[in-house]
């Protein structure tokens, strides 16, 4: 991880496997006044109706886009299980997300703390570009129950997603801090508040 510089904010890399509650924790950071860059939200916008990435994605994966943007199911069928196609898609998406992240950083340059909410932080090597890695985690049973309750989710799809994500145990081992969401929302929020206080002290 990069050492913090007094000329820029202290950057938290927030990550966690599917169903661990990362989005909920990101909202808790926002509630405490910490600006959050949501990589997934940026990707959804760029792949939505009129999104800037649609021409490149359609060219690389014909039939995967339409008037409503990217057809996630169609694109998923093309990419899941095919490492070469996944790399091709990442080559389109990742640089664009990087530009959005740089803009976010410039717009919030005077903030003491920033959060980069990046699901595949370790997988993409983004952990090397932040000051602290915060992993959101919960027991495997809670994770499975949360994910399988989502509309359209199947056990097979869940297993495929887990297969491309760094295992939770490895994420926790590599983390600087872990937020446990296997607790109540109040307890999770207390963890976030305590972490913000500690990191603000470190960022001084």
N, C-alpha and C. Protein backbone atom coordinates (compact mmCIF):
# COMPACT_ATOMS: atom_id res chain seq x y z
N UNK A 1 0.82 -1.20 0.00
CA UNK A 1 0.00 0.00 0.00
C UNK A 1 0.86 1.26 0.00
N UNK A 2 0.36 2.28 -0.67
CA UNK A 2 1.10 3.53 -0.77
C UNK A 2 1.04 4.28 0.55
N UNK A 3 2.17 4.90 0.97
CA UNK A 3 2.12 5.73 2.17
C UNK A 3 1.30 6.97 1.90
N UNK A 4 0.49 7.41 2.87
CA UNK A 4 -0.31 8.62 2.64
C UNK A 4 0.57 9.84 2.49
N UNK A 5 0.10 10.77 1.70
CA UNK A 5 0.82 12.03 1.50
C UNK A 5 0.03 13.15 2.17
N UNK A 6 0.72 14.09 2.81
CA UNK A 6 -0.01 15.19 3.46
C UNK A 6 -0.74 16.07 2.46
N UNK A 7 -0.42 15.92 1.16
CA UNK A 7 -1.04 16.76 0.15
C UNK A 7 -2.31 16.16 -0.44
N UNK A 8 -2.70 15.00 0.04
CA UNK A 8 -3.92 14.38 -0.49
C UNK A 8 -4.67 13.64 0.62
N UNK A 9 -5.92 13.27 0.37
CA UNK A 9 -6.69 12.56 1.39
C UNK A 9 -6.11 11.18 1.68
N UNK A 10 -6.46 10.65 2.84
CA UNK A 10 -6.14 9.28 3.21
C UNK A 10 -7.19 8.40 2.54
N UNK A 11 -6.74 7.45 1.75
CA UNK A 11 -7.66 6.67 0.92
C UNK A 11 -7.88 5.27 1.49
N UNK A 12 -9.16 4.97 1.71
CA UNK A 12 -9.58 3.66 2.19
C UNK A 12 -10.07 2.84 1.00
N UNK A 13 -9.52 1.66 0.83
CA UNK A 13 -10.02 0.73 -0.18
C UNK A 13 -11.02 -0.20 0.49
N UNK A 14 -12.29 -0.08 0.12
CA UNK A 14 -13.36 -0.88 0.73
C UNK A 14 -13.73 -2.01 -0.21
N UNK A 15 -13.68 -3.24 0.30
CA UNK A 15 -14.01 -4.38 -0.55
C UNK A 15 -14.67 -5.48 0.28
N UNK A 16 -15.12 -6.50 -0.39
CA UNK A 16 -15.78 -7.61 0.27
C UNK A 16 -16.45 -8.49 -0.77
N UNK A 17 -16.56 -9.75 -0.50
CA UNK A 17 -17.17 -10.68 -1.44
C UNK A 17 -18.67 -10.43 -1.55
N UNK A 18 -19.28 -11.01 -2.55
CA UNK A 18 -20.71 -10.85 -2.78
C UNK A 18 -21.51 -11.24 -1.53
N UNK A 19 -22.50 -10.41 -1.20
CA UNK A 19 -23.38 -10.73 -0.08
C UNK A 19 -22.82 -10.44 1.30
N UNK A 20 -21.67 -9.79 1.37
CA UNK A 20 -21.06 -9.53 2.67
C UNK A 20 -21.54 -8.23 3.32
N UNK A 21 -22.27 -7.40 2.57
CA UNK A 21 -22.77 -6.16 3.15
C UNK A 21 -21.91 -4.95 2.85
N UNK A 22 -21.09 -5.03 1.81
CA UNK A 22 -20.19 -3.93 1.49
C UNK A 22 -20.95 -2.65 1.15
N UNK A 23 -22.01 -2.77 0.38
CA UNK A 23 -22.78 -1.58 0.01
C UNK A 23 -23.41 -0.91 1.22
N UNK A 24 -23.86 -1.73 2.17
CA UNK A 24 -24.43 -1.19 3.41
C UNK A 24 -23.37 -0.43 4.19
N UNK A 25 -22.17 -0.99 4.27
CA UNK A 25 -21.07 -0.33 4.99
C UNK A 25 -20.65 0.95 4.26
N UNK A 26 -20.65 0.92 2.93
CA UNK A 26 -20.32 2.13 2.18
C UNK A 26 -21.29 3.26 2.51
N UNK A 27 -22.57 2.92 2.65
CA UNK A 27 -23.56 3.92 3.01
C UNK A 27 -23.31 4.46 4.41
N UNK A 28 -22.81 3.61 5.29
CA UNK A 28 -22.48 4.06 6.65
C UNK A 28 -21.34 5.08 6.62
N UNK A 29 -20.36 4.84 5.76
CA UNK A 29 -19.28 5.82 5.62
C UNK A 29 -19.85 7.15 5.11
N UNK A 30 -20.74 7.08 4.13
CA UNK A 30 -21.37 8.30 3.60
C UNK A 30 -22.13 9.03 4.69
N UNK A 31 -22.86 8.27 5.50
CA UNK A 31 -23.64 8.87 6.59
C UNK A 31 -22.75 9.63 7.56
N UNK A 32 -21.49 9.20 7.67
CA UNK A 32 -20.55 9.87 8.57
C UNK A 32 -19.79 10.99 7.87
N UNK A 33 -20.18 11.29 6.64
CA UNK A 33 -19.58 12.42 5.93
C UNK A 33 -18.34 12.10 5.13
N UNK A 34 -18.04 10.81 4.94
CA UNK A 34 -16.86 10.42 4.17
C UNK A 34 -17.29 10.19 2.71
N UNK A 35 -16.74 10.93 1.75
CA UNK A 35 -17.10 10.73 0.35
C UNK A 35 -16.72 9.31 -0.12
N UNK A 36 -17.60 8.69 -0.89
CA UNK A 36 -17.39 7.32 -1.36
C UNK A 36 -17.44 7.27 -2.88
N UNK A 37 -16.42 6.70 -3.48
CA UNK A 37 -16.43 6.43 -4.92
C UNK A 37 -16.92 5.01 -5.11
N UNK A 38 -18.07 4.85 -5.75
CA UNK A 38 -18.70 3.55 -5.94
C UNK A 38 -18.39 3.06 -7.35
N UNK A 39 -17.42 2.17 -7.47
CA UNK A 39 -16.99 1.69 -8.79
C UNK A 39 -18.12 1.00 -9.52
N UNK A 40 -18.91 0.19 -8.82
CA UNK A 40 -20.01 -0.52 -9.47
C UNK A 40 -21.05 0.45 -10.03
N UNK A 41 -21.37 1.49 -9.26
CA UNK A 41 -22.35 2.47 -9.72
C UNK A 41 -21.87 3.18 -10.98
N UNK A 42 -20.57 3.49 -11.02
CA UNK A 42 -20.01 4.13 -12.21
C UNK A 42 -20.11 3.21 -13.42
N UNK A 43 -19.82 1.93 -13.21
CA UNK A 43 -19.90 0.97 -14.31
C UNK A 43 -21.34 0.86 -14.80
N UNK A 44 -22.29 0.78 -13.87
CA UNK A 44 -23.70 0.68 -14.27
C UNK A 44 -24.12 1.88 -15.10
N UNK A 45 -23.66 3.07 -14.70
CA UNK A 45 -24.01 4.28 -15.45
C UNK A 45 -23.41 4.26 -16.85
N UNK A 46 -22.15 3.83 -16.94
CA UNK A 46 -21.48 3.82 -18.24
C UNK A 46 -22.00 2.71 -19.14
N UNK A 47 -22.67 1.71 -18.54
CA UNK A 47 -23.23 0.61 -19.33
C UNK A 47 -24.74 0.72 -19.47
N UNK A 48 -25.33 1.78 -18.89
CA UNK A 48 -26.77 1.97 -18.95
C UNK A 48 -27.19 2.63 -20.25
N UNK A 49 -28.46 3.02 -20.35
CA UNK A 49 -28.97 3.67 -21.57
C UNK A 49 -28.12 4.88 -21.95
N UNK A 50 -27.60 4.88 -23.17
CA UNK A 50 -26.77 5.98 -23.63
C UNK A 50 -25.39 6.03 -23.01
N UNK A 51 -25.00 4.99 -22.29
CA UNK A 51 -23.71 4.96 -21.61
C UNK A 51 -22.53 5.03 -22.55
N UNK A 52 -21.46 5.66 -22.08
CA UNK A 52 -20.30 5.91 -22.94
C UNK A 52 -19.55 4.65 -23.36
N UNK A 53 -19.75 3.54 -22.63
CA UNK A 53 -19.02 2.31 -22.97
C UNK A 53 -19.79 1.40 -23.94
N UNK A 54 -21.03 1.75 -24.25
CA UNK A 54 -21.85 0.85 -25.08
C UNK A 54 -21.24 0.57 -26.45
N UNK A 55 -20.74 1.57 -27.18
CA UNK A 55 -20.18 1.27 -28.51
C UNK A 55 -19.02 0.27 -28.44
N UNK A 56 -18.11 0.46 -27.49
CA UNK A 56 -16.95 -0.44 -27.39
C UNK A 56 -17.37 -1.84 -26.98
N UNK A 57 -18.35 -1.94 -26.07
CA UNK A 57 -18.81 -3.26 -25.62
C UNK A 57 -19.54 -3.97 -26.75
N UNK A 58 -20.37 -3.25 -27.48
CA UNK A 58 -21.10 -3.87 -28.59
C UNK A 58 -20.14 -4.35 -29.67
N UNK A 59 -19.10 -3.56 -29.93
CA UNK A 59 -18.12 -3.94 -30.94
C UNK A 59 -17.38 -5.22 -30.54
N UNK A 60 -17.08 -5.34 -29.26
CA UNK A 60 -16.34 -6.51 -28.79
C UNK A 60 -17.25 -7.71 -28.55
N UNK A 61 -18.51 -7.43 -28.17
CA UNK A 61 -19.46 -8.50 -27.85
C UNK A 61 -20.79 -8.22 -28.56
N UNK A 62 -20.85 -8.47 -29.86
CA UNK A 62 -22.06 -8.16 -30.64
C UNK A 62 -23.32 -8.78 -30.05
N UNK A 63 -24.38 -7.95 -30.00
CA UNK A 63 -25.65 -8.43 -29.48
C UNK A 63 -25.81 -8.30 -27.98
N UNK A 64 -24.81 -7.73 -27.31
CA UNK A 64 -24.85 -7.65 -25.84
C UNK A 64 -25.41 -6.32 -25.33
N UNK A 65 -25.76 -5.41 -26.24
CA UNK A 65 -26.31 -4.12 -25.82
C UNK A 65 -27.58 -3.82 -26.60
N UNK A 66 -28.33 -2.85 -26.09
CA UNK A 66 -29.57 -2.43 -26.74
C UNK A 66 -29.98 -1.06 -26.25
N UNK A 67 -31.24 -0.70 -26.46
CA UNK A 67 -31.71 0.62 -26.08
C UNK A 67 -31.67 0.84 -24.56
N UNK A 68 -31.70 -0.25 -23.81
CA UNK A 68 -31.64 -0.15 -22.35
C UNK A 68 -30.22 -0.27 -21.82
N UNK A 69 -29.25 -0.25 -22.71
CA UNK A 69 -27.86 -0.40 -22.30
C UNK A 69 -27.38 -1.83 -22.46
N UNK A 70 -26.44 -2.21 -21.61
CA UNK A 70 -25.90 -3.56 -21.68
C UNK A 70 -26.96 -4.57 -21.21
N UNK A 71 -27.12 -5.63 -21.98
CA UNK A 71 -27.97 -6.75 -21.56
C UNK A 71 -27.08 -7.63 -20.68
N UNK A 72 -27.22 -7.47 -19.38
CA UNK A 72 -26.31 -8.14 -18.44
C UNK A 72 -26.36 -9.66 -18.57
N UNK A 73 -27.55 -10.18 -18.82
CA UNK A 73 -27.65 -11.63 -18.95
C UNK A 73 -26.92 -12.12 -20.19
N UNK A 74 -27.10 -11.42 -21.31
CA UNK A 74 -26.44 -11.80 -22.55
C UNK A 74 -24.93 -11.67 -22.43
N UNK A 75 -24.49 -10.54 -21.85
CA UNK A 75 -23.05 -10.33 -21.70
C UNK A 75 -22.47 -11.34 -20.72
N UNK A 76 -23.21 -11.63 -19.65
CA UNK A 76 -22.74 -12.60 -18.66
C UNK A 76 -22.51 -13.97 -19.27
N UNK A 77 -23.42 -14.38 -20.17
CA UNK A 77 -23.27 -15.69 -20.80
C UNK A 77 -22.03 -15.74 -21.67
N UNK A 78 -21.68 -14.60 -22.26
CA UNK A 78 -20.49 -14.55 -23.11
C UNK A 78 -19.19 -14.54 -22.30
N UNK A 79 -19.24 -13.90 -21.14
CA UNK A 79 -18.01 -13.65 -20.38
C UNK A 79 -17.74 -14.69 -19.30
N UNK A 80 -18.79 -15.11 -18.55
CA UNK A 80 -18.58 -16.06 -17.46
C UNK A 80 -17.93 -17.34 -17.96
N UNK A 81 -16.86 -17.74 -17.29
CA UNK A 81 -16.19 -18.99 -17.64
C UNK A 81 -15.24 -18.87 -18.80
N UNK A 82 -15.10 -17.67 -19.38
CA UNK A 82 -14.19 -17.46 -20.50
C UNK A 82 -13.20 -16.37 -20.11
N UNK A 83 -12.04 -16.79 -19.67
CA UNK A 83 -11.05 -15.85 -19.15
C UNK A 83 -10.62 -14.82 -20.19
N UNK A 84 -10.48 -15.26 -21.44
CA UNK A 84 -10.04 -14.35 -22.50
C UNK A 84 -11.06 -13.24 -22.74
N UNK A 85 -12.35 -13.60 -22.75
CA UNK A 85 -13.38 -12.59 -22.97
C UNK A 85 -13.53 -11.68 -21.75
N UNK A 86 -13.32 -12.24 -20.57
CA UNK A 86 -13.39 -11.42 -19.38
C UNK A 86 -12.29 -10.36 -19.38
N UNK A 87 -11.10 -10.77 -19.80
CA UNK A 87 -9.98 -9.83 -19.89
C UNK A 87 -10.29 -8.74 -20.92
N UNK A 88 -10.92 -9.13 -22.04
CA UNK A 88 -11.28 -8.15 -23.07
C UNK A 88 -12.28 -7.13 -22.54
N UNK A 89 -13.24 -7.60 -21.75
CA UNK A 89 -14.22 -6.69 -21.17
C UNK A 89 -13.56 -5.78 -20.14
N UNK A 90 -12.69 -6.33 -19.33
CA UNK A 90 -11.99 -5.53 -18.32
C UNK A 90 -11.13 -4.44 -18.98
N UNK A 91 -10.57 -4.75 -20.16
CA UNK A 91 -9.74 -3.78 -20.86
C UNK A 91 -10.56 -2.58 -21.33
N UNK A 92 -11.86 -2.78 -21.49
CA UNK A 92 -12.76 -1.68 -21.85
C UNK A 92 -13.19 -0.91 -20.61
N UNK A 93 -13.56 -1.65 -19.58
CA UNK A 93 -14.19 -1.05 -18.40
C UNK A 93 -13.18 -0.40 -17.45
N UNK A 94 -12.10 -1.10 -17.14
CA UNK A 94 -11.20 -0.64 -16.08
C UNK A 94 -10.57 0.74 -16.35
N UNK A 95 -10.08 1.02 -17.56
CA UNK A 95 -9.52 2.37 -17.78
C UNK A 95 -10.55 3.48 -17.61
N UNK A 96 -11.78 3.20 -18.03
CA UNK A 96 -12.85 4.20 -17.89
C UNK A 96 -13.16 4.45 -16.42
N UNK A 97 -13.20 3.39 -15.63
CA UNK A 97 -13.43 3.54 -14.19
C UNK A 97 -12.27 4.31 -13.55
N UNK A 98 -11.06 4.03 -14.01
CA UNK A 98 -9.89 4.73 -13.49
C UNK A 98 -9.98 6.23 -13.72
N UNK A 99 -10.49 6.63 -14.87
CA UNK A 99 -10.65 8.05 -15.16
C UNK A 99 -11.69 8.69 -14.24
N UNK A 100 -12.79 7.97 -14.01
CA UNK A 100 -13.83 8.48 -13.11
C UNK A 100 -13.29 8.60 -11.68
N UNK A 101 -12.48 7.63 -11.27
CA UNK A 101 -11.91 7.65 -9.92
C UNK A 101 -10.94 8.83 -9.76
N UNK A 102 -10.15 9.09 -10.80
CA UNK A 102 -9.20 10.22 -10.75
C UNK A 102 -9.96 11.54 -10.63
N UNK A 103 -11.09 11.64 -11.34
CA UNK A 103 -11.90 12.85 -11.27
C UNK A 103 -12.50 13.03 -9.86
N UNK A 104 -12.97 11.92 -9.30
CA UNK A 104 -13.52 11.93 -7.94
C UNK A 104 -12.46 12.40 -6.95
N UNK A 105 -11.25 11.89 -7.10
CA UNK A 105 -10.15 12.26 -6.20
C UNK A 105 -9.84 13.74 -6.32
N UNK A 106 -9.84 14.26 -7.54
CA UNK A 106 -9.56 15.68 -7.74
C UNK A 106 -10.65 16.55 -7.13
N UNK A 107 -11.90 16.10 -7.25
CA UNK A 107 -13.03 16.88 -6.72
C UNK A 107 -13.08 16.88 -5.20
N UNK A 108 -12.45 15.87 -4.59
CA UNK A 108 -12.48 15.76 -3.13
C UNK A 108 -11.09 15.86 -2.52
N UNK A 109 -10.23 16.60 -3.18
CA UNK A 109 -8.82 16.66 -2.79
C UNK A 109 -8.60 17.24 -1.40
N UNK A 110 -9.56 18.01 -0.89
CA UNK A 110 -9.37 18.64 0.41
C UNK A 110 -10.00 17.85 1.56
N UNK A 111 -10.58 16.71 1.26
CA UNK A 111 -11.18 15.87 2.30
C UNK A 111 -10.10 15.10 3.05
N UNK A 112 -10.26 14.87 4.35
CA UNK A 112 -9.24 14.09 5.08
C UNK A 112 -9.29 12.60 4.75
N UNK A 113 -10.50 12.07 4.51
CA UNK A 113 -10.67 10.65 4.21
C UNK A 113 -11.53 10.49 2.97
N UNK A 114 -11.19 9.48 2.16
CA UNK A 114 -12.03 9.08 1.03
C UNK A 114 -12.14 7.56 1.03
N UNK A 115 -13.26 7.07 0.51
CA UNK A 115 -13.43 5.62 0.35
C UNK A 115 -13.54 5.29 -1.13
N UNK A 116 -12.74 4.32 -1.56
CA UNK A 116 -12.89 3.74 -2.89
C UNK A 116 -13.59 2.39 -2.69
N UNK A 117 -14.86 2.32 -3.06
CA UNK A 117 -15.65 1.10 -2.93
C UNK A 117 -15.44 0.28 -4.19
N UNK A 118 -14.59 -0.77 -4.09
CA UNK A 118 -14.20 -1.55 -5.27
C UNK A 118 -14.36 -3.04 -4.96
N UNK A 119 -15.38 -3.69 -5.53
CA UNK A 119 -15.62 -5.11 -5.24
C UNK A 119 -14.40 -6.00 -5.51
N UNK A 120 -13.74 -5.80 -6.65
CA UNK A 120 -12.60 -6.65 -7.01
C UNK A 120 -11.28 -5.90 -6.74
N UNK A 121 -11.15 -5.37 -5.54
CA UNK A 121 -9.97 -4.58 -5.19
C UNK A 121 -8.69 -5.40 -5.28
N UNK A 122 -8.70 -6.58 -4.65
CA UNK A 122 -7.51 -7.43 -4.68
C UNK A 122 -7.29 -8.02 -6.07
N UNK A 123 -8.38 -8.45 -6.70
CA UNK A 123 -8.27 -9.12 -7.99
C UNK A 123 -7.68 -8.19 -9.06
N UNK A 124 -7.98 -6.89 -8.95
CA UNK A 124 -7.47 -5.94 -9.93
C UNK A 124 -6.20 -5.23 -9.50
N UNK A 125 -5.67 -5.58 -8.33
CA UNK A 125 -4.44 -4.96 -7.85
C UNK A 125 -4.64 -3.57 -7.27
N UNK A 126 -5.90 -3.17 -7.07
CA UNK A 126 -6.17 -1.83 -6.55
C UNK A 126 -5.73 -1.62 -5.12
N UNK A 127 -5.50 -2.72 -4.40
CA UNK A 127 -5.05 -2.60 -3.02
C UNK A 127 -3.69 -1.92 -2.91
N UNK A 128 -2.93 -1.92 -4.00
CA UNK A 128 -1.61 -1.29 -3.98
C UNK A 128 -1.69 0.23 -4.07
N UNK A 129 -2.88 0.75 -4.41
CA UNK A 129 -3.02 2.19 -4.63
C UNK A 129 -3.81 2.89 -3.53
N UNK A 130 -4.03 2.21 -2.41
CA UNK A 130 -4.77 2.82 -1.30
C UNK A 130 -3.92 2.79 -0.04
N UNK A 131 -4.35 3.54 0.98
CA UNK A 131 -3.59 3.62 2.21
C UNK A 131 -3.96 2.54 3.22
N UNK A 132 -5.24 2.15 3.22
CA UNK A 132 -5.71 1.08 4.09
C UNK A 132 -6.77 0.27 3.36
N UNK A 133 -6.73 -1.03 3.54
CA UNK A 133 -7.75 -1.91 2.96
C UNK A 133 -8.72 -2.32 4.06
N UNK A 134 -10.02 -2.05 3.82
CA UNK A 134 -11.06 -2.45 4.75
C UNK A 134 -11.91 -3.53 4.07
N UNK A 135 -11.95 -4.69 4.68
CA UNK A 135 -12.73 -5.80 4.14
C UNK A 135 -14.01 -5.97 4.94
N UNK A 136 -15.12 -6.04 4.24
CA UNK A 136 -16.42 -6.30 4.88
C UNK A 136 -16.67 -7.80 4.80
N UNK A 137 -16.96 -8.41 5.94
CA UNK A 137 -17.07 -9.86 5.99
C UNK A 137 -18.22 -10.28 6.89
N UNK A 138 -18.71 -11.49 6.65
CA UNK A 138 -19.78 -12.09 7.46
C UNK A 138 -19.61 -13.60 7.37
N UNK A 139 -20.22 -14.35 8.27
CA UNK A 139 -20.14 -15.81 8.19
C UNK A 139 -20.67 -16.34 6.86
N UNK A 140 -20.08 -17.42 6.39
CA UNK A 140 -20.45 -17.99 5.08
C UNK A 140 -21.95 -18.31 5.00
N UNK A 141 -22.54 -18.75 6.10
CA UNK A 141 -23.97 -19.09 6.09
C UNK A 141 -24.81 -17.84 5.83
N UNK A 142 -24.46 -16.73 6.48
CA UNK A 142 -25.19 -15.49 6.27
C UNK A 142 -25.01 -14.99 4.84
N UNK A 143 -23.79 -15.10 4.34
CA UNK A 143 -23.52 -14.69 2.96
C UNK A 143 -24.39 -15.46 1.98
N UNK A 144 -24.41 -16.77 2.12
CA UNK A 144 -25.18 -17.61 1.20
C UNK A 144 -26.67 -17.27 1.25
N UNK A 145 -27.19 -17.10 2.45
CA UNK A 145 -28.62 -16.77 2.61
C UNK A 145 -28.95 -15.44 1.95
N UNK A 146 -28.09 -14.46 2.14
CA UNK A 146 -28.32 -13.14 1.55
C UNK A 146 -28.33 -13.21 0.02
N UNK A 147 -27.32 -13.88 -0.52
CA UNK A 147 -27.17 -13.90 -1.98
C UNK A 147 -28.29 -14.70 -2.64
N UNK A 148 -28.60 -15.86 -2.09
CA UNK A 148 -29.61 -16.72 -2.72
C UNK A 148 -31.02 -16.14 -2.58
N UNK A 149 -31.20 -15.14 -1.73
CA UNK A 149 -32.51 -14.49 -1.62
C UNK A 149 -32.70 -13.41 -2.69
N UNK A 150 -31.65 -13.12 -3.45
CA UNK A 150 -31.75 -12.09 -4.48
C UNK A 150 -32.53 -12.60 -5.68
N UNK A 151 -33.33 -11.75 -6.30
CA UNK A 151 -34.09 -12.17 -7.49
C UNK A 151 -33.16 -12.63 -8.61
N UNK A 152 -33.48 -13.77 -9.20
CA UNK A 152 -32.71 -14.27 -10.32
C UNK A 152 -31.42 -14.98 -9.97
N UNK A 153 -31.09 -15.04 -8.69
CA UNK A 153 -29.85 -15.70 -8.28
C UNK A 153 -30.07 -17.20 -8.14
N UNK A 154 -29.11 -17.97 -8.61
CA UNK A 154 -29.14 -19.43 -8.46
C UNK A 154 -27.87 -19.88 -7.76
N UNK A 155 -27.88 -21.10 -7.25
CA UNK A 155 -26.69 -21.64 -6.60
C UNK A 155 -25.52 -21.70 -7.59
N UNK A 156 -25.83 -22.07 -8.84
CA UNK A 156 -24.77 -22.19 -9.84
C UNK A 156 -24.14 -20.83 -10.12
N UNK A 157 -24.97 -19.79 -10.26
CA UNK A 157 -24.44 -18.46 -10.51
C UNK A 157 -23.63 -17.97 -9.33
N UNK A 158 -24.14 -18.23 -8.14
CA UNK A 158 -23.43 -17.85 -6.92
C UNK A 158 -22.04 -18.48 -6.87
N UNK A 159 -21.97 -19.77 -7.19
CA UNK A 159 -20.69 -20.47 -7.17
C UNK A 159 -19.73 -19.92 -8.22
N UNK A 160 -20.28 -19.55 -9.39
CA UNK A 160 -19.42 -18.98 -10.44
C UNK A 160 -18.83 -17.65 -9.98
N UNK A 161 -19.67 -16.83 -9.34
CA UNK A 161 -19.19 -15.54 -8.85
C UNK A 161 -18.10 -15.73 -7.79
N UNK A 162 -18.34 -16.65 -6.87
CA UNK A 162 -17.33 -16.94 -5.85
C UNK A 162 -16.02 -17.40 -6.48
N UNK A 163 -16.14 -18.11 -7.60
CA UNK A 163 -14.96 -18.65 -8.26
C UNK A 163 -14.02 -17.60 -8.82
N UNK A 164 -14.55 -16.40 -9.13
CA UNK A 164 -13.69 -15.35 -9.68
C UNK A 164 -13.30 -14.32 -8.63
N UNK A 165 -13.82 -14.48 -7.41
CA UNK A 165 -13.48 -13.56 -6.34
C UNK A 165 -12.44 -14.18 -5.41
N UNK A 166 -11.55 -13.35 -4.91
CA UNK A 166 -10.60 -13.82 -3.90
C UNK A 166 -11.38 -14.34 -2.69
N UNK A 167 -11.05 -15.53 -2.19
CA UNK A 167 -11.80 -16.08 -1.05
C UNK A 167 -11.84 -15.12 0.13
N UNK A 168 -12.96 -15.15 0.85
CA UNK A 168 -13.15 -14.25 1.98
C UNK A 168 -12.03 -14.39 3.01
N UNK A 169 -11.61 -15.62 3.29
CA UNK A 169 -10.56 -15.83 4.29
C UNK A 169 -9.26 -15.14 3.87
N UNK A 170 -8.96 -15.19 2.58
CA UNK A 170 -7.75 -14.54 2.09
C UNK A 170 -7.89 -13.02 2.16
N UNK A 171 -9.08 -12.51 1.82
CA UNK A 171 -9.31 -11.07 1.92
C UNK A 171 -9.08 -10.59 3.35
N UNK A 172 -9.66 -11.33 4.30
CA UNK A 172 -9.52 -10.92 5.71
C UNK A 172 -8.06 -10.96 6.15
N UNK A 173 -7.33 -11.96 5.66
CA UNK A 173 -5.92 -12.09 6.04
C UNK A 173 -5.08 -10.94 5.49
N UNK A 174 -5.49 -10.42 4.34
CA UNK A 174 -4.73 -9.35 3.69
C UNK A 174 -5.22 -7.95 4.08
N UNK A 175 -6.32 -7.89 4.81
CA UNK A 175 -6.92 -6.60 5.16
C UNK A 175 -6.15 -5.89 6.26
N UNK A 176 -6.25 -4.58 6.28
CA UNK A 176 -5.75 -3.79 7.40
C UNK A 176 -6.81 -3.71 8.49
N UNK A 177 -8.09 -3.74 8.06
CA UNK A 177 -9.21 -3.67 8.99
C UNK A 177 -10.35 -4.52 8.43
N UNK A 178 -11.13 -5.12 9.33
CA UNK A 178 -12.28 -5.93 8.93
C UNK A 178 -13.53 -5.39 9.62
N UNK A 179 -14.58 -5.17 8.85
CA UNK A 179 -15.89 -4.80 9.40
C UNK A 179 -16.76 -6.06 9.36
N UNK A 180 -17.21 -6.50 10.51
CA UNK A 180 -18.02 -7.71 10.62
C UNK A 180 -19.50 -7.34 10.50
N UNK A 181 -20.16 -7.82 9.42
CA UNK A 181 -21.58 -7.54 9.24
C UNK A 181 -22.45 -8.74 9.62
N UNK A 182 -21.85 -9.69 10.30
CA UNK A 182 -22.63 -10.80 10.81
C UNK A 182 -23.30 -10.42 12.12
N UNK A 183 -23.25 -9.15 12.44
CA UNK A 183 -23.81 -8.60 13.67
C UNK A 183 -25.04 -7.77 13.32
N UNK A 184 -25.54 -6.99 14.27
CA UNK A 184 -26.65 -6.08 13.98
C UNK A 184 -26.13 -4.87 13.21
N UNK A 185 -27.06 -4.14 12.59
CA UNK A 185 -26.67 -2.93 11.87
C UNK A 185 -26.05 -1.91 12.83
N UNK A 186 -26.59 -1.84 14.05
CA UNK A 186 -26.05 -0.90 15.04
C UNK A 186 -24.60 -1.22 15.38
N UNK A 187 -24.32 -2.51 15.53
CA UNK A 187 -22.94 -2.91 15.85
C UNK A 187 -22.01 -2.66 14.68
N UNK A 188 -22.48 -2.91 13.47
CA UNK A 188 -21.66 -2.64 12.29
C UNK A 188 -21.38 -1.14 12.17
N UNK A 189 -22.40 -0.33 12.42
CA UNK A 189 -22.21 1.13 12.35
C UNK A 189 -21.21 1.61 13.40
N UNK A 190 -21.26 1.00 14.57
CA UNK A 190 -20.30 1.37 15.63
C UNK A 190 -18.87 1.04 15.19
N UNK A 191 -18.70 -0.09 14.49
CA UNK A 191 -17.38 -0.45 13.98
C UNK A 191 -16.89 0.59 12.97
N UNK A 192 -17.80 1.03 12.10
CA UNK A 192 -17.44 2.02 11.09
C UNK A 192 -17.04 3.34 11.76
N UNK A 193 -17.81 3.77 12.72
CA UNK A 193 -17.50 5.03 13.42
C UNK A 193 -16.15 4.95 14.12
N UNK A 194 -15.88 3.82 14.77
CA UNK A 194 -14.60 3.66 15.47
C UNK A 194 -13.44 3.67 14.48
N UNK A 195 -13.65 3.04 13.33
CA UNK A 195 -12.60 2.98 12.32
C UNK A 195 -12.32 4.37 11.75
N UNK A 196 -13.37 5.12 11.47
CA UNK A 196 -13.19 6.48 10.95
C UNK A 196 -12.38 7.33 11.94
N UNK A 197 -12.72 7.23 13.22
CA UNK A 197 -12.00 7.99 14.24
C UNK A 197 -10.53 7.61 14.26
N UNK A 198 -10.23 6.31 14.16
CA UNK A 198 -8.84 5.84 14.18
C UNK A 198 -8.08 6.30 12.94
N UNK A 199 -8.74 6.21 11.78
CA UNK A 199 -8.06 6.58 10.54
C UNK A 199 -7.87 8.09 10.42
N UNK A 200 -8.81 8.87 10.95
CA UNK A 200 -8.63 10.31 10.95
C UNK A 200 -7.41 10.69 11.78
N UNK A 201 -7.21 9.99 12.88
CA UNK A 201 -6.04 10.25 13.72
C UNK A 201 -4.76 9.88 12.97
N UNK A 202 -4.81 8.78 12.22
CA UNK A 202 -3.64 8.33 11.46
C UNK A 202 -3.34 9.27 10.29
N UNK A 203 -4.41 9.85 9.74
CA UNK A 203 -4.25 10.70 8.55
C UNK A 203 -3.70 12.09 8.87
N UNK A 204 -3.67 12.43 10.16
CA UNK A 204 -3.21 13.79 10.54
C UNK A 204 -1.73 13.98 10.21
